C-alpha atoms as a PDB file:
ATOM      1  CA  UNK A   1     -75.174 -33.272  -7.052  1.00  0.00           C
ATOM      2  CA  UNK A   2     -77.772 -30.485  -6.972  1.00  0.00           C
ATOM      3  CA  UNK A   3     -75.138 -27.883  -7.878  1.00  0.00           C
ATOM      4  CA  UNK A   4     -74.039 -29.928 -10.888  1.00  0.00           C
ATOM      5  CA  UNK A   5     -77.641 -30.278 -12.024  1.00  0.00           C
ATOM      6  CA  UNK A   6     -78.282 -26.535 -11.664  1.00  0.00           C
ATOM      7  CA  UNK A   7     -75.081 -25.802 -13.575  1.00  0.00           C
ATOM      8  CA  UNK A   8     -76.120 -28.105 -16.420  1.00  0.00           C
ATOM      9  CA  UNK A   9     -79.537 -26.435 -16.554  1.00  0.00           C
ATOM     10  CA  UNK A  10     -77.876 -23.009 -16.719  1.00  0.00           C
ATOM     11  CA  UNK A  11     -75.524 -24.170 -19.471  1.00  0.00           C
ATOM     12  CA  UNK A  12     -78.381 -25.586 -21.551  1.00  0.00           C
ATOM     13  CA  UNK A  13     -80.388 -22.413 -21.053  1.00  0.00           C
ATOM     14  CA  UNK A  14     -77.487 -20.272 -22.308  1.00  0.00           C
ATOM     15  CA  UNK A  15     -76.981 -22.519 -25.300  1.00  0.00           C
ATOM     16  CA  UNK A  16     -80.688 -22.423 -26.144  1.00  0.00           C
ATOM     17  CA  UNK A  17     -80.703 -18.631 -25.852  1.00  0.00           C
ATOM     18  CA  UNK A  18     -78.056 -18.429 -28.574  1.00  0.00           C
ATOM     19  CA  UNK A  19     -74.884 -17.890 -26.593  1.00  0.00           C
ATOM     20  CA  UNK A  20     -71.668 -17.412 -28.515  1.00  0.00           C
ATOM     21  CA  UNK A  21     -69.523 -20.484 -29.287  1.00  0.00           C
ATOM     22  CA  UNK A  22     -66.650 -19.068 -27.208  1.00  0.00           C
ATOM     23  CA  UNK A  23     -68.921 -18.705 -24.171  1.00  0.00           C
ATOM     24  CA  UNK A  24     -70.230 -22.228 -24.678  1.00  0.00           C
ATOM     25  CA  UNK A  25     -66.695 -23.564 -24.940  1.00  0.00           C
ATOM     26  CA  UNK A  26     -65.749 -21.739 -21.739  1.00  0.00           C
ATOM     27  CA  UNK A  27     -68.735 -23.168 -19.896  1.00  0.00           C
ATOM     28  CA  UNK A  28     -67.924 -26.712 -20.990  1.00  0.00           C
ATOM     29  CA  UNK A  29     -64.250 -26.273 -20.041  1.00  0.00           C
ATOM     30  CA  UNK A  30     -65.210 -24.976 -16.607  1.00  0.00           C
ATOM     31  CA  UNK A  31     -67.509 -27.928 -16.054  1.00  0.00           C
ATOM     32  CA  UNK A  32     -64.917 -30.491 -17.131  1.00  0.00           C
ATOM     33  CA  UNK A  33     -62.167 -28.971 -14.998  1.00  0.00           C
ATOM     34  CA  UNK A  34     -64.454 -28.840 -11.965  1.00  0.00           C
ATOM     35  CA  UNK A  35     -64.119 -25.052 -11.751  1.00  0.00           C
ATOM     36  CA  UNK A  36     -67.756 -24.252 -12.335  1.00  0.00           C
ATOM     37  CA  UNK A  37     -69.514 -21.594 -10.251  1.00  0.00           C
ATOM     38  CA  UNK A  38     -70.472 -23.079  -6.906  1.00  0.00           C
ATOM     39  CA  UNK A  39     -68.142 -26.075  -7.430  1.00  0.00           C
ATOM     40  CA  UNK A  40     -64.792 -25.408  -5.692  1.00  0.00           C
ATOM     41  CA  UNK A  41     -61.741 -27.052  -7.173  1.00  0.00           C
ATOM     42  CA  UNK A  42     -60.026 -29.862  -5.323  1.00  0.00           C
ATOM     43  CA  UNK A  43     -57.222 -28.450  -3.131  1.00  0.00           C
ATOM     44  CA  UNK A  44     -53.684 -29.601  -3.983  1.00  0.00           C
ATOM     45  CA  UNK A  45     -53.133 -31.062  -0.504  1.00  0.00           C
ATOM     46  CA  UNK A  46     -56.173 -33.304  -0.877  1.00  0.00           C
ATOM     47  CA  UNK A  47     -55.025 -34.466  -4.297  1.00  0.00           C
ATOM     48  CA  UNK A  48     -51.531 -35.214  -2.983  1.00  0.00           C
ATOM     49  CA  UNK A  49     -53.026 -37.250  -0.158  1.00  0.00           C
ATOM     50  CA  UNK A  50     -55.062 -39.220  -2.695  1.00  0.00           C
ATOM     51  CA  UNK A  51     -51.885 -39.911  -4.712  1.00  0.00           C
ATOM     52  CA  UNK A  52     -50.150 -41.268  -1.619  1.00  0.00           C
ATOM     53  CA  UNK A  53     -53.089 -43.539  -0.811  1.00  0.00           C
ATOM     54  CA  UNK A  54     -53.279 -44.780  -4.397  1.00  0.00           C
ATOM     55  CA  UNK A  55     -49.525 -45.462  -4.507  1.00  0.00           C
ATOM     56  CA  UNK A  56     -49.710 -47.442  -1.261  1.00  0.00           C
ATOM     57  CA  UNK A  57     -52.660 -49.511  -2.506  1.00  0.00           C
ATOM     58  CA  UNK A  58     -51.031 -50.238  -5.864  1.00  0.00           C
ATOM     59  CA  UNK A  59     -47.643 -51.139  -4.364  1.00  0.00           C
ATOM     60  CA  UNK A  60     -49.152 -53.524  -1.808  1.00  0.00           C
ATOM     61  CA  UNK A  61     -51.306 -55.116  -4.536  1.00  0.00           C
ATOM     62  CA  UNK A  62     -48.248 -55.704  -6.725  1.00  0.00           C
ATOM     63  CA  UNK A  63     -46.333 -57.291  -3.869  1.00  0.00           C
ATOM     64  CA  UNK A  64     -49.248 -59.521  -2.853  1.00  0.00           C
ATOM     65  CA  UNK A  65     -49.774 -60.804  -6.406  1.00  0.00           C
ATOM     66  CA  UNK A  66     -46.184 -60.984  -7.690  1.00  0.00           C
ATOM     67  CA  UNK A  67     -44.336 -62.391  -4.670  1.00  0.00           C
ATOM     68  CA  UNK A  68     -46.226 -65.739  -4.552  1.00  0.00           C
ATOM     69  CA  UNK A  69     -46.070 -65.945  -8.351  1.00  0.00           C
ATOM     70  CA  UNK A  70     -42.287 -65.568  -8.228  1.00  0.00           C
ATOM     71  CA  UNK A  71     -41.978 -68.319  -5.598  1.00  0.00           C
ATOM     72  CA  UNK A  72     -44.189 -70.711  -7.579  1.00  0.00           C
ATOM     73  CA  UNK A  73     -42.265 -69.973 -10.791  1.00  0.00           C
ATOM     74  CA  UNK A  74     -38.966 -70.667  -9.055  1.00  0.00           C
ATOM     75  CA  UNK A  75     -40.272 -73.962  -7.671  1.00  0.00           C
ATOM     76  CA  UNK A  76     -41.503 -75.049 -11.109  1.00  0.00           C
ATOM     77  CA  UNK A  77     -38.323 -73.757 -12.828  1.00  0.00           C
ATOM     78  CA  UNK A  78     -40.173 -71.264 -15.001  1.00  0.00           C
ATOM     79  CA  UNK A  79     -37.230 -68.901 -15.135  1.00  0.00           C
ATOM     80  CA  UNK A  80     -38.678 -66.246 -17.425  1.00  0.00           C
ATOM     81  CA  UNK A  81     -41.889 -66.084 -15.410  1.00  0.00           C
ATOM     82  CA  UNK A  82     -39.827 -65.820 -12.234  1.00  0.00           C
ATOM     83  CA  UNK A  83     -37.856 -62.913 -13.719  1.00  0.00           C
ATOM     84  CA  UNK A  84     -41.058 -61.076 -14.658  1.00  0.00           C
ATOM     85  CA  UNK A  85     -42.653 -61.639 -11.239  1.00  0.00           C
ATOM     86  CA  UNK A  86     -39.493 -60.566  -9.409  1.00  0.00           C
ATOM     87  CA  UNK A  87     -39.333 -57.415 -11.541  1.00  0.00           C
ATOM     88  CA  UNK A  88     -42.933 -56.574 -10.624  1.00  0.00           C
ATOM     89  CA  UNK A  89     -42.029 -56.986  -6.933  1.00  0.00           C
ATOM     90  CA  UNK A  90     -39.128 -54.555  -7.384  1.00  0.00           C
ATOM     91  CA  UNK A  91     -41.505 -52.094  -9.039  1.00  0.00           C
ATOM     92  CA  UNK A  92     -43.768 -52.299  -5.995  1.00  0.00           C
ATOM     93  CA  UNK A  93     -40.793 -51.423  -3.816  1.00  0.00           C
ATOM     94  CA  UNK A  94     -39.934 -48.473  -6.067  1.00  0.00           C
ATOM     95  CA  UNK A  95     -43.474 -47.196  -5.739  1.00  0.00           C
ATOM     96  CA  UNK A  96     -43.229 -47.348  -1.949  1.00  0.00           C
ATOM     97  CA  UNK A  97     -39.961 -45.378  -2.158  1.00  0.00           C
ATOM     98  CA  UNK A  98     -41.681 -42.747  -4.301  1.00  0.00           C
ATOM     99  CA  UNK A  99     -44.488 -42.457  -1.768  1.00  0.00           C
ATOM    100  CA  UNK A 100     -41.949 -42.028   1.009  1.00  0.00           C
ATOM    101  CA  UNK A 101     -40.286 -39.200  -0.945  1.00  0.00           C
ATOM    102  CA  UNK A 102     -43.630 -37.456  -1.339  1.00  0.00           C
ATOM    103  CA  UNK A 103     -44.178 -37.681   2.391  1.00  0.00           C
ATOM    104  CA  UNK A 104     -40.774 -36.021   2.845  1.00  0.00           C
ATOM    105  CA  UNK A 105     -41.945 -33.126   0.621  1.00  0.00           C
ATOM    106  CA  UNK A 106     -39.795 -34.078  -2.376  1.00  0.00           C
ATOM    107  CA  UNK A 107     -41.296 -33.544  -5.838  1.00  0.00           C
ATOM    108  CA  UNK A 108     -39.002 -36.279  -7.184  1.00  0.00           C
ATOM    109  CA  UNK A 109     -41.409 -38.817  -5.709  1.00  0.00           C
ATOM    110  CA  UNK A 110     -43.675 -38.341  -8.750  1.00  0.00           C
ATOM    111  CA  UNK A 111     -40.775 -39.421 -10.972  1.00  0.00           C
ATOM    112  CA  UNK A 112     -40.287 -42.536  -8.870  1.00  0.00           C
ATOM    113  CA  UNK A 113     -43.980 -43.402  -9.140  1.00  0.00           C
ATOM    114  CA  UNK A 114     -43.992 -42.984 -12.933  1.00  0.00           C
ATOM    115  CA  UNK A 115     -40.771 -44.999 -13.316  1.00  0.00           C
ATOM    116  CA  UNK A 116     -42.204 -47.813 -11.199  1.00  0.00           C
ATOM    117  CA  UNK A 117     -45.364 -47.995 -13.319  1.00  0.00           C
ATOM    118  CA  UNK A 118     -43.490 -47.937 -16.628  1.00  0.00           C
ATOM    119  CA  UNK A 119     -41.080 -50.677 -15.477  1.00  0.00           C
ATOM    120  CA  UNK A 120     -44.011 -52.724 -14.205  1.00  0.00           C
ATOM    121  CA  UNK A 121     -45.726 -52.341 -17.572  1.00  0.00           C
ATOM    122  CA  UNK A 122     -42.554 -53.543 -19.301  1.00  0.00           C
ATOM    123  CA  UNK A 123     -42.311 -56.659 -17.133  1.00  0.00           C
ATOM    124  CA  UNK A 124     -45.993 -57.489 -17.635  1.00  0.00           C
ATOM    125  CA  UNK A 125     -45.700 -57.094 -21.413  1.00  0.00           C
ATOM    126  CA  UNK A 126     -42.603 -59.301 -21.333  1.00  0.00           C
ATOM    127  CA  UNK A 127     -44.563 -61.996 -19.496  1.00  0.00           C
ATOM    128  CA  UNK A 128     -47.504 -61.648 -21.912  1.00  0.00           C
ATOM    129  CA  UNK A 129     -45.177 -62.108 -24.890  1.00  0.00           C
ATOM    130  CA  UNK A 130     -43.587 -65.133 -23.234  1.00  0.00           C
ATOM    131  CA  UNK A 131     -47.020 -66.626 -22.528  1.00  0.00           C
ATOM    132  CA  UNK A 132     -48.213 -66.089 -26.097  1.00  0.00           C
ATOM    133  CA  UNK A 133     -45.076 -67.496 -27.754  1.00  0.00           C
ATOM    134  CA  UNK A 134     -44.403 -70.608 -25.699  1.00  0.00           C
ATOM    135  CA  UNK A 135     -46.094 -73.928 -26.536  1.00  0.00           C
ATOM    136  CA  UNK A 136     -49.036 -74.936 -24.348  1.00  0.00           C
ATOM    137  CA  UNK A 137     -48.197 -76.914 -21.255  1.00  0.00           C
ATOM    138  CA  UNK A 138     -49.285 -80.521 -21.577  1.00  0.00           C
ATOM    139  CA  UNK A 139     -49.432 -80.809 -17.812  1.00  0.00           C
ATOM    140  CA  UNK A 140     -52.577 -78.684 -17.799  1.00  0.00           C
ATOM    141  CA  UNK A 141     -54.470 -81.382 -19.691  1.00  0.00           C
ATOM    142  CA  UNK A 142     -53.255 -84.005 -17.223  1.00  0.00           C
ATOM    143  CA  UNK A 143     -54.540 -81.893 -14.315  1.00  0.00           C
ATOM    144  CA  UNK A 144     -58.075 -81.840 -15.701  1.00  0.00           C
ATOM    145  CA  UNK A 145     -60.639 -84.350 -14.386  1.00  0.00           C
ATOM    146  CA  UNK A 146     -61.132 -87.526 -16.363  1.00  0.00           C
ATOM    147  CA  UNK A 147     -64.678 -86.571 -17.292  1.00  0.00           C
ATOM    148  CA  UNK A 148     -63.470 -83.285 -18.803  1.00  0.00           C
ATOM    149  CA  UNK A 149     -60.698 -85.027 -20.730  1.00  0.00           C
ATOM    150  CA  UNK A 150     -63.194 -87.504 -22.168  1.00  0.00           C
ATOM    151  CA  UNK A 151     -65.431 -84.674 -23.323  1.00  0.00           C
ATOM    152  CA  UNK A 152     -62.488 -82.900 -24.938  1.00  0.00           C
ATOM    153  CA  UNK A 153     -61.483 -86.140 -26.673  1.00  0.00           C
ATOM    154  CA  UNK A 154     -64.994 -86.510 -28.069  1.00  0.00           C
ATOM    155  CA  UNK A 155     -65.107 -82.915 -29.281  1.00  0.00           C
ATOM    156  CA  UNK A 156     -61.687 -83.022 -30.935  1.00  0.00           C
ATOM    157  CA  UNK A 157     -60.223 -86.503 -31.370  1.00  0.00           C
ATOM    158  CA  UNK A 158     -57.219 -85.035 -33.162  1.00  0.00           C
ATOM    159  CA  UNK A 159     -54.533 -84.138 -30.545  1.00  0.00           C
ATOM    160  CA  UNK A 160     -53.167 -81.427 -32.820  1.00  0.00           C
ATOM    161  CA  UNK A 161     -56.549 -79.697 -32.859  1.00  0.00           C
ATOM    162  CA  UNK A 162     -56.665 -79.839 -29.068  1.00  0.00           C
ATOM    163  CA  UNK A 163     -53.205 -78.344 -28.842  1.00  0.00           C
ATOM    164  CA  UNK A 164     -54.257 -75.579 -31.234  1.00  0.00           C
ATOM    165  CA  UNK A 165     -57.255 -74.867 -29.021  1.00  0.00           C
ATOM    166  CA  UNK A 166     -55.043 -74.546 -25.954  1.00  0.00           C
ATOM    167  CA  UNK A 167     -52.590 -72.333 -27.825  1.00  0.00           C
ATOM    168  CA  UNK A 168     -55.424 -70.037 -28.933  1.00  0.00           C
ATOM    169  CA  UNK A 169     -56.769 -69.770 -25.397  1.00  0.00           C
ATOM    170  CA  UNK A 170     -53.255 -69.029 -24.143  1.00  0.00           C
ATOM    171  CA  UNK A 171     -52.762 -66.245 -26.672  1.00  0.00           C
ATOM    172  CA  UNK A 172     -56.128 -64.714 -25.854  1.00  0.00           C
ATOM    173  CA  UNK A 173     -55.169 -64.713 -22.157  1.00  0.00           C
ATOM    174  CA  UNK A 174     -51.833 -63.067 -22.942  1.00  0.00           C
ATOM    175  CA  UNK A 175     -53.527 -60.392 -25.058  1.00  0.00           C
ATOM    176  CA  UNK A 176     -56.025 -59.677 -22.269  1.00  0.00           C
ATOM    177  CA  UNK A 177     -53.206 -59.337 -19.707  1.00  0.00           C
ATOM    178  CA  UNK A 178     -51.308 -56.921 -21.963  1.00  0.00           C
ATOM    179  CA  UNK A 179     -54.416 -54.862 -22.711  1.00  0.00           C
ATOM    180  CA  UNK A 180     -55.389 -54.487 -19.046  1.00  0.00           C
ATOM    181  CA  UNK A 181     -51.791 -53.621 -18.080  1.00  0.00           C
ATOM    182  CA  UNK A 182     -51.571 -50.905 -20.746  1.00  0.00           C
ATOM    183  CA  UNK A 183     -54.841 -49.367 -19.556  1.00  0.00           C
ATOM    184  CA  UNK A 184     -54.095 -49.584 -15.822  1.00  0.00           C
ATOM    185  CA  UNK A 185     -50.378 -48.775 -15.673  1.00  0.00           C
ATOM    186  CA  UNK A 186     -50.657 -46.211 -18.460  1.00  0.00           C
ATOM    187  CA  UNK A 187     -53.589 -44.556 -16.685  1.00  0.00           C
ATOM    188  CA  UNK A 188     -51.625 -44.352 -13.439  1.00  0.00           C
ATOM    189  CA  UNK A 189     -48.650 -42.763 -15.211  1.00  0.00           C
ATOM    190  CA  UNK A 190     -50.956 -40.177 -16.797  1.00  0.00           C
ATOM    191  CA  UNK A 191     -52.596 -39.429 -13.446  1.00  0.00           C
ATOM    192  CA  UNK A 192     -49.259 -39.076 -11.662  1.00  0.00           C
ATOM    193  CA  UNK A 193     -47.871 -36.756 -14.341  1.00  0.00           C
ATOM    194  CA  UNK A 194     -51.028 -34.664 -14.219  1.00  0.00           C
ATOM    195  CA  UNK A 195     -50.598 -34.262 -10.449  1.00  0.00           C
ATOM    196  CA  UNK A 196     -47.087 -32.752 -10.595  1.00  0.00           C
ATOM    197  CA  UNK A 197     -48.391 -29.189 -10.339  1.00  0.00           C
ATOM    198  CA  UNK A 198     -50.446 -30.070  -7.261  1.00  0.00           C
ATOM    199  CA  UNK A 199     -47.402 -31.618  -5.597  1.00  0.00           C
ATOM    200  CA  UNK A 200     -45.240 -28.570  -6.371  1.00  0.00           C
ATOM    201  CA  UNK A 201     -47.944 -26.249  -5.045  1.00  0.00           C
ATOM    202  CA  UNK A 202     -48.022 -28.135  -1.759  1.00  0.00           C
ATOM    203  CA  UNK A 203     -44.250 -28.363  -1.416  1.00  0.00           C
ATOM    204  CA  UNK A 204     -43.738 -24.657  -2.166  1.00  0.00           C
ATOM    205  CA  UNK A 205     -45.857 -23.736   0.845  1.00  0.00           C
ATOM    206  CA  UNK A 206     -44.103 -23.513   4.203  1.00  0.00           C
ATOM    207  CA  UNK A 207     -44.655 -26.613   6.295  1.00  0.00           C
ATOM    208  CA  UNK A 208     -47.358 -26.397   8.907  1.00  0.00           C
ATOM    209  CA  UNK A 209     -45.962 -26.631  12.410  1.00  0.00           C
ATOM    210  CA  UNK A 210     -48.059 -28.596  14.839  1.00  0.00           C
ATOM    211  CA  UNK A 211     -49.243 -26.493  17.741  1.00  0.00           C
ATOM    212  CA  UNK A 212     -48.188 -27.864  21.075  1.00  0.00           C
ATOM    213  CA  UNK A 213     -49.733 -26.924  24.417  1.00  0.00           C
ATOM    214  CA  UNK A 214     -47.601 -24.693  26.640  1.00  0.00           C
ATOM    215  CA  UNK A 215     -45.688 -26.437  29.387  1.00  0.00           C
ATOM    216  CA  UNK A 216     -47.408 -26.723  32.689  1.00  0.00           C
ATOM    217  CA  UNK A 217     -46.263 -24.266  35.349  1.00  0.00           C
ATOM    218  CA  UNK A 218     -43.913 -25.608  37.940  1.00  0.00           C
ATOM    219  CA  UNK A 219     -45.503 -26.552  41.190  1.00  0.00           C
ATOM    220  CA  UNK A 220     -44.891 -24.708  44.429  1.00  0.00           C
ATOM    221  CA  UNK A 221     -41.553 -25.398  46.119  1.00  0.00           C
ATOM    222  CA  UNK A 222     -41.648 -28.211  48.613  1.00  0.00           C
ATOM    223  CA  UNK A 223     -42.169 -27.206  52.195  1.00  0.00           C
ATOM    224  CA  UNK A 224     -39.217 -27.727  54.559  1.00  0.00           C
ATOM    225  CA  UNK A 225     -39.529 -30.884  56.520  1.00  0.00           C
ATOM    226  CA  UNK A 226     -40.142 -30.401  60.209  1.00  0.00           C
ATOM    227  CA  UNK A 227     -37.848 -32.166  62.586  1.00  0.00           C
ATOM    228  CA  UNK A 228     -39.452 -34.859  64.630  1.00  0.00           C
ATOM    229  CA  UNK A 229     -36.763 -34.754  67.391  1.00  0.00           C
ATOM    230  CA  UNK A 230     -38.176 -33.873  70.822  1.00  0.00           C
ATOM    231  CA  UNK A 231     -37.602 -30.298  71.928  1.00  0.00           C
ATOM    232  CA  UNK A 232     -35.302 -29.963  74.964  1.00  0.00           C
ATOM    233  CA  UNK A 233     -35.894 -27.104  77.342  1.00  0.00           C
ATOM    234  CA  UNK A 234     -33.119 -24.518  77.634  1.00  0.00           C
ATOM    235  CA  UNK A 235     -30.775 -24.957  80.605  1.00  0.00           C
ATOM    236  CA  UNK A 236     -31.665 -23.053  83.746  1.00  0.00           C
ATOM    237  CA  UNK A 237     -29.361 -20.233  84.758  1.00  0.00           C
ATOM    238  CA  UNK A 238     -28.137 -20.242  88.329  1.00  0.00           C
END
């Protein structure tokens, strides 16, 4: 943190002293790319390890959220919702496959990660469109407590107005889901694509062989076993 503060002070001092625009642009570019003096760039191996951790976290999150949703949708016969949730589960599996390829030093794993995120975005947008276009479920109103239903009846005695209110809330929820998915999945695709050079740099290096301790020397040969039979004296000569 102190190095960043000193670098900012140096940059402001140069700008105040009337530095050229090209020098100022170079200073700002160095600061944004984390290549400023005294600030070493992140090594490619560390960035690749972060990608693998992020892919594992995202894939497990997709499976945890989408698998129960698919089961509930199948039980309630919401076929389109079940298709979207099952597709998200498949995307989580694709992301795990891409992570496994990266661990095997294959640059094609980045393609798998990007494909998984784009397919996941497509399934989420499909579900958001389905949620915004379908009529509101009347079973939701029946699940509310009686006190809440009485208050809603007092606020809007017209059932059509109440249905319009539910439809509006449903469309707002669908728009929020689509917006968050575009930001999150799109951001992951951009981050993965930006990390292709780091992955290639790591994979072009020869693999590091783990050093193993030398084998232990063989022990001394076993001593011959002594016979425990009693010694007989030699026969006397006559």
